[in-house]
Structures are given as structure tokens and as C-alpha cells.
């Protein structure tokens, strides 16, 4: 099999050219049919670019739904600012108890 880009001869088993790494075989994401040209599947007719865009859109929708289900979460600065307060309260209580016991 000859690479269409660099014209290097490759074995039939390789998927990418051994010299320039150009794809020599394309696998359909829908039906897994292996073919020599990209763009559209020869077997089922799926357009590779549209299929990839559809998968990305589905992933974005799923992540938006997950965020909606999670609800509101405070920003990170709130956690940083208010983190020391419980420790300070516990320290003050400890010191008050220690002072009373003397």
C-alpha cells in the first residue's frame, strides 16, 4: 500500500504511514467498516465530521444536565475564606476551658 502523501510503500497491516504518519485506513465510528478514504463511510454512509460533532454535542448536553442536577455550589473563595473559622472557634473554646480549669 502506497502512502498518498509521501509515496512511501507500507505493508497492508499498518493503519498509519511509517514515514509521515498519515492515516492509510479509516474506520467508520458507527459501523466499524475499514476503508481507504475518509470523509464518508462507504458501507453505511455516515459522514465522519458530522458524527464527531454529534458526539461532542451529546457530551456537552450530558455535562450540562449533570451540572443542573448538582445544583448550586459556592465558589472556591468562599471555602478558602471560611475554612479557618471552625478551627478558630475550637481553639477559643479550648483556651476558655483551660483557663477555667486553673
C-alpha atoms as a PDB file:
ATOM      1  CA  UNK A   1       0.000   0.000   0.000  1.00  0.00           C
ATOM      2  CA  UNK A   2       1.448   3.358  -1.007  1.00  0.00           C
ATOM      3  CA  UNK A   3       1.039   6.476   1.129  1.00  0.00           C
ATOM      4  CA  UNK A   4      -0.903   9.175  -0.751  1.00  0.00           C
ATOM      5  CA  UNK A   5       1.128  11.952   0.900  1.00  0.00           C
ATOM      6  CA  UNK A   6       4.793  10.837   0.825  1.00  0.00           C
ATOM      7  CA  UNK A   7       4.511   7.882  -1.619  1.00  0.00           C
ATOM      8  CA  UNK A   8       6.263   5.517   0.817  1.00  0.00           C
ATOM      9  CA  UNK A   9       5.439   1.832   0.412  1.00  0.00           C
ATOM     10  CA  UNK A  10       3.732   0.388   3.529  1.00  0.00           C
ATOM     11  CA  UNK A  11       2.518  -3.077   4.430  1.00  0.00           C
ATOM     12  CA  UNK A  12      -1.201  -3.858   4.321  1.00  0.00           C
ATOM     13  CA  UNK A  13      -1.415  -4.266   8.122  1.00  0.00           C
ATOM     14  CA  UNK A  14      -0.422  -0.702   9.089  1.00  0.00           C
ATOM     15  CA  UNK A  15      -3.069   1.933   9.728  1.00  0.00           C
ATOM     16  CA  UNK A  16      -0.707   4.938   9.543  1.00  0.00           C
ATOM     17  CA  UNK A  17       2.208   5.588   7.202  1.00  0.00           C
ATOM     18  CA  UNK A  18       5.502   4.534   8.814  1.00  0.00           C
ATOM     19  CA  UNK A  19       7.245   7.650   7.481  1.00  0.00           C
ATOM     20  CA  UNK A  20       4.808  10.600   7.721  1.00  0.00           C
ATOM     21  CA  UNK A  21       2.058   9.095   9.940  1.00  0.00           C
ATOM     22  CA  UNK A  22      -0.726   9.937   7.507  1.00  0.00           C
ATOM     23  CA  UNK A  23      -3.792   7.725   8.020  1.00  0.00           C
ATOM     24  CA  UNK A  24      -3.901   4.971   5.405  1.00  0.00           C
ATOM     25  CA  UNK A  25      -7.069   3.302   6.647  1.00  0.00           C
ATOM     26  CA  UNK A  26     -10.141   4.913   8.139  1.00  0.00           C
ATOM     27  CA  UNK A  27     -12.552   3.123  10.454  1.00  0.00           C
ATOM     28  CA  UNK A  28     -16.184   4.209  10.473  1.00  0.00           C
ATOM     29  CA  UNK A  29     -17.174   5.266  14.001  1.00  0.00           C
ATOM     30  CA  UNK A  30     -20.717   3.946  13.540  1.00  0.00           C
ATOM     31  CA  UNK A  31     -20.342   0.549  11.814  1.00  0.00           C
ATOM     32  CA  UNK A  32     -16.556  -0.050  12.237  1.00  0.00           C
ATOM     33  CA  UNK A  33     -16.091  -0.607   8.482  1.00  0.00           C
ATOM     34  CA  UNK A  34     -12.421  -0.147   7.442  1.00  0.00           C
ATOM     35  CA  UNK A  35     -11.856   1.812   4.231  1.00  0.00           C
ATOM     36  CA  UNK A  36      -9.094   3.650   2.378  1.00  0.00           C
ATOM     37  CA  UNK A  37     -10.759   7.078   2.133  1.00  0.00           C
ATOM     38  CA  UNK A  38     -12.055   9.246   4.939  1.00  0.00           C
ATOM     39  CA  UNK A  39     -14.948  11.660   4.964  1.00  0.00           C
ATOM     40  CA  UNK A  40     -17.923   9.355   4.496  1.00  0.00           C
ATOM     41  CA  UNK A  41     -18.408   5.660   5.148  1.00  0.00           C
ATOM     42  CA  UNK A  42     -18.682   3.530   2.017  1.00  0.00           C
ATOM     43  CA  UNK A  43     -20.864   0.970   3.801  1.00  0.00           C
ATOM     44  CA  UNK A  44     -23.372   2.900   5.928  1.00  0.00           C
ATOM     45  CA  UNK A  45     -22.965   6.466   4.555  1.00  0.00           C
ATOM     46  CA  UNK A  46     -22.133   8.176   7.867  1.00  0.00           C
ATOM     47  CA  UNK A  47     -20.282  11.483   7.499  1.00  0.00           C
ATOM     48  CA  UNK A  48     -17.289  11.265   9.888  1.00  0.00           C
ATOM     49  CA  UNK A  49     -17.210  15.008  10.697  1.00  0.00           C
ATOM     50  CA  UNK A  50     -20.945  15.190  11.410  1.00  0.00           C
ATOM     51  CA  UNK A  51     -20.750  12.047  13.541  1.00  0.00           C
ATOM     52  CA  UNK A  52     -17.890  13.529  15.605  1.00  0.00           C
ATOM     53  CA  UNK A  53     -19.788  16.814  16.010  1.00  0.00           C
ATOM     54  CA  UNK A  54     -22.859  14.885  17.165  1.00  0.00           C
ATOM     55  CA  UNK A  55     -20.782  13.012  19.783  1.00  0.00           C
ATOM     56  CA  UNK A  56     -19.322  16.277  21.081  1.00  0.00           C
ATOM     57  CA  UNK A  57     -22.789  17.834  21.265  1.00  0.00           C
ATOM     58  CA  UNK A  58     -24.099  14.836  23.206  1.00  0.00           C
ATOM     59  CA  UNK A  59     -21.195  15.052  25.661  1.00  0.00           C
ATOM     60  CA  UNK A  60     -21.828  18.762  26.190  1.00  0.00           C
ATOM     61  CA  UNK A  61     -25.515  18.140  26.805  1.00  0.00           C
ATOM     62  CA  UNK A  62     -24.726  15.389  29.301  1.00  0.00           C
ATOM     63  CA  UNK A  63     -22.314  17.600  31.221  1.00  0.00           C
ATOM     64  CA  UNK A  64     -24.840  20.458  31.319  1.00  0.00           C
ATOM     65  CA  UNK A  65     -27.510  18.096  32.644  1.00  0.00           C
ATOM     66  CA  UNK A  66     -25.090  16.842  35.294  1.00  0.00           C
ATOM     67  CA  UNK A  67     -24.330  20.418  36.384  1.00  0.00           C
ATOM     68  CA  UNK A  68     -28.044  21.200  36.623  1.00  0.00           C
ATOM     69  CA  UNK A  69     -28.644  18.115  38.791  1.00  0.00           C
ATOM     70  CA  UNK A  70     -25.729  19.003  41.080  1.00  0.00           C
ATOM     71  CA  UNK A  71     -27.307  22.342  41.996  1.00  0.00           C
ATOM     72  CA  UNK A  72     -25.601  25.478  43.252  1.00  0.00           C
ATOM     73  CA  UNK A  73     -22.152  25.211  44.748  1.00  0.00           C
ATOM     74  CA  UNK A  74     -20.314  28.087  46.429  1.00  0.00           C
ATOM     75  CA  UNK A  75     -17.240  29.450  44.668  1.00  0.00           C
ATOM     76  CA  UNK A  76     -13.795  28.384  45.811  1.00  0.00           C
ATOM     77  CA  UNK A  77     -13.023  31.716  47.504  1.00  0.00           C
ATOM     78  CA  UNK A  78     -15.865  31.081  49.965  1.00  0.00           C
ATOM     79  CA  UNK A  79     -14.240  27.825  51.004  1.00  0.00           C
ATOM     80  CA  UNK A  80     -10.842  29.497  51.371  1.00  0.00           C
ATOM     81  CA  UNK A  81     -12.147  32.455  53.398  1.00  0.00           C
ATOM     82  CA  UNK A  82     -14.393  30.499  55.758  1.00  0.00           C
ATOM     83  CA  UNK A  83     -12.193  27.413  56.205  1.00  0.00           C
ATOM     84  CA  UNK A  84     -10.269  28.726  59.279  1.00  0.00           C
ATOM     85  CA  UNK A  85     -13.376  29.711  61.304  1.00  0.00           C
ATOM     86  CA  UNK A  86     -14.245  26.266  62.752  1.00  0.00           C
ATOM     87  CA  UNK A  87     -10.625  25.776  63.793  1.00  0.00           C
ATOM     88  CA  UNK A  88     -10.510  29.220  65.420  1.00  0.00           C
ATOM     89  CA  UNK A  89     -13.755  28.541  67.301  1.00  0.00           C
ATOM     90  CA  UNK A  90     -12.410  25.215  68.568  1.00  0.00           C
ATOM     91  CA  UNK A  91      -9.156  26.888  69.650  1.00  0.00           C
ATOM     92  CA  UNK A  92     -11.020  29.623  71.551  1.00  0.00           C
ATOM     93  CA  UNK A  93     -13.222  27.040  73.300  1.00  0.00           C
ATOM     94  CA  UNK A  94     -10.149  25.013  74.251  1.00  0.00           C
ATOM     95  CA  UNK A  95      -8.392  28.062  75.692  1.00  0.00           C
ATOM     96  CA  UNK A  96     -11.514  29.136  77.634  1.00  0.00           C
ATOM     97  CA  UNK A  97     -11.913  25.660  79.143  1.00  0.00           C
ATOM     98  CA  UNK A  98      -8.229  25.538  80.023  1.00  0.00           C
ATOM     99  CA  UNK A  99      -8.402  28.964  81.682  1.00  0.00           C
ATOM    100  CA  UNK A 100     -11.466  27.942  83.732  1.00  0.00           C
ATOM    101  CA  UNK A 101      -9.836  24.756  84.960  1.00  0.00           C
ATOM    102  CA  UNK A 102      -6.908  26.655  86.547  1.00  0.00           C
END
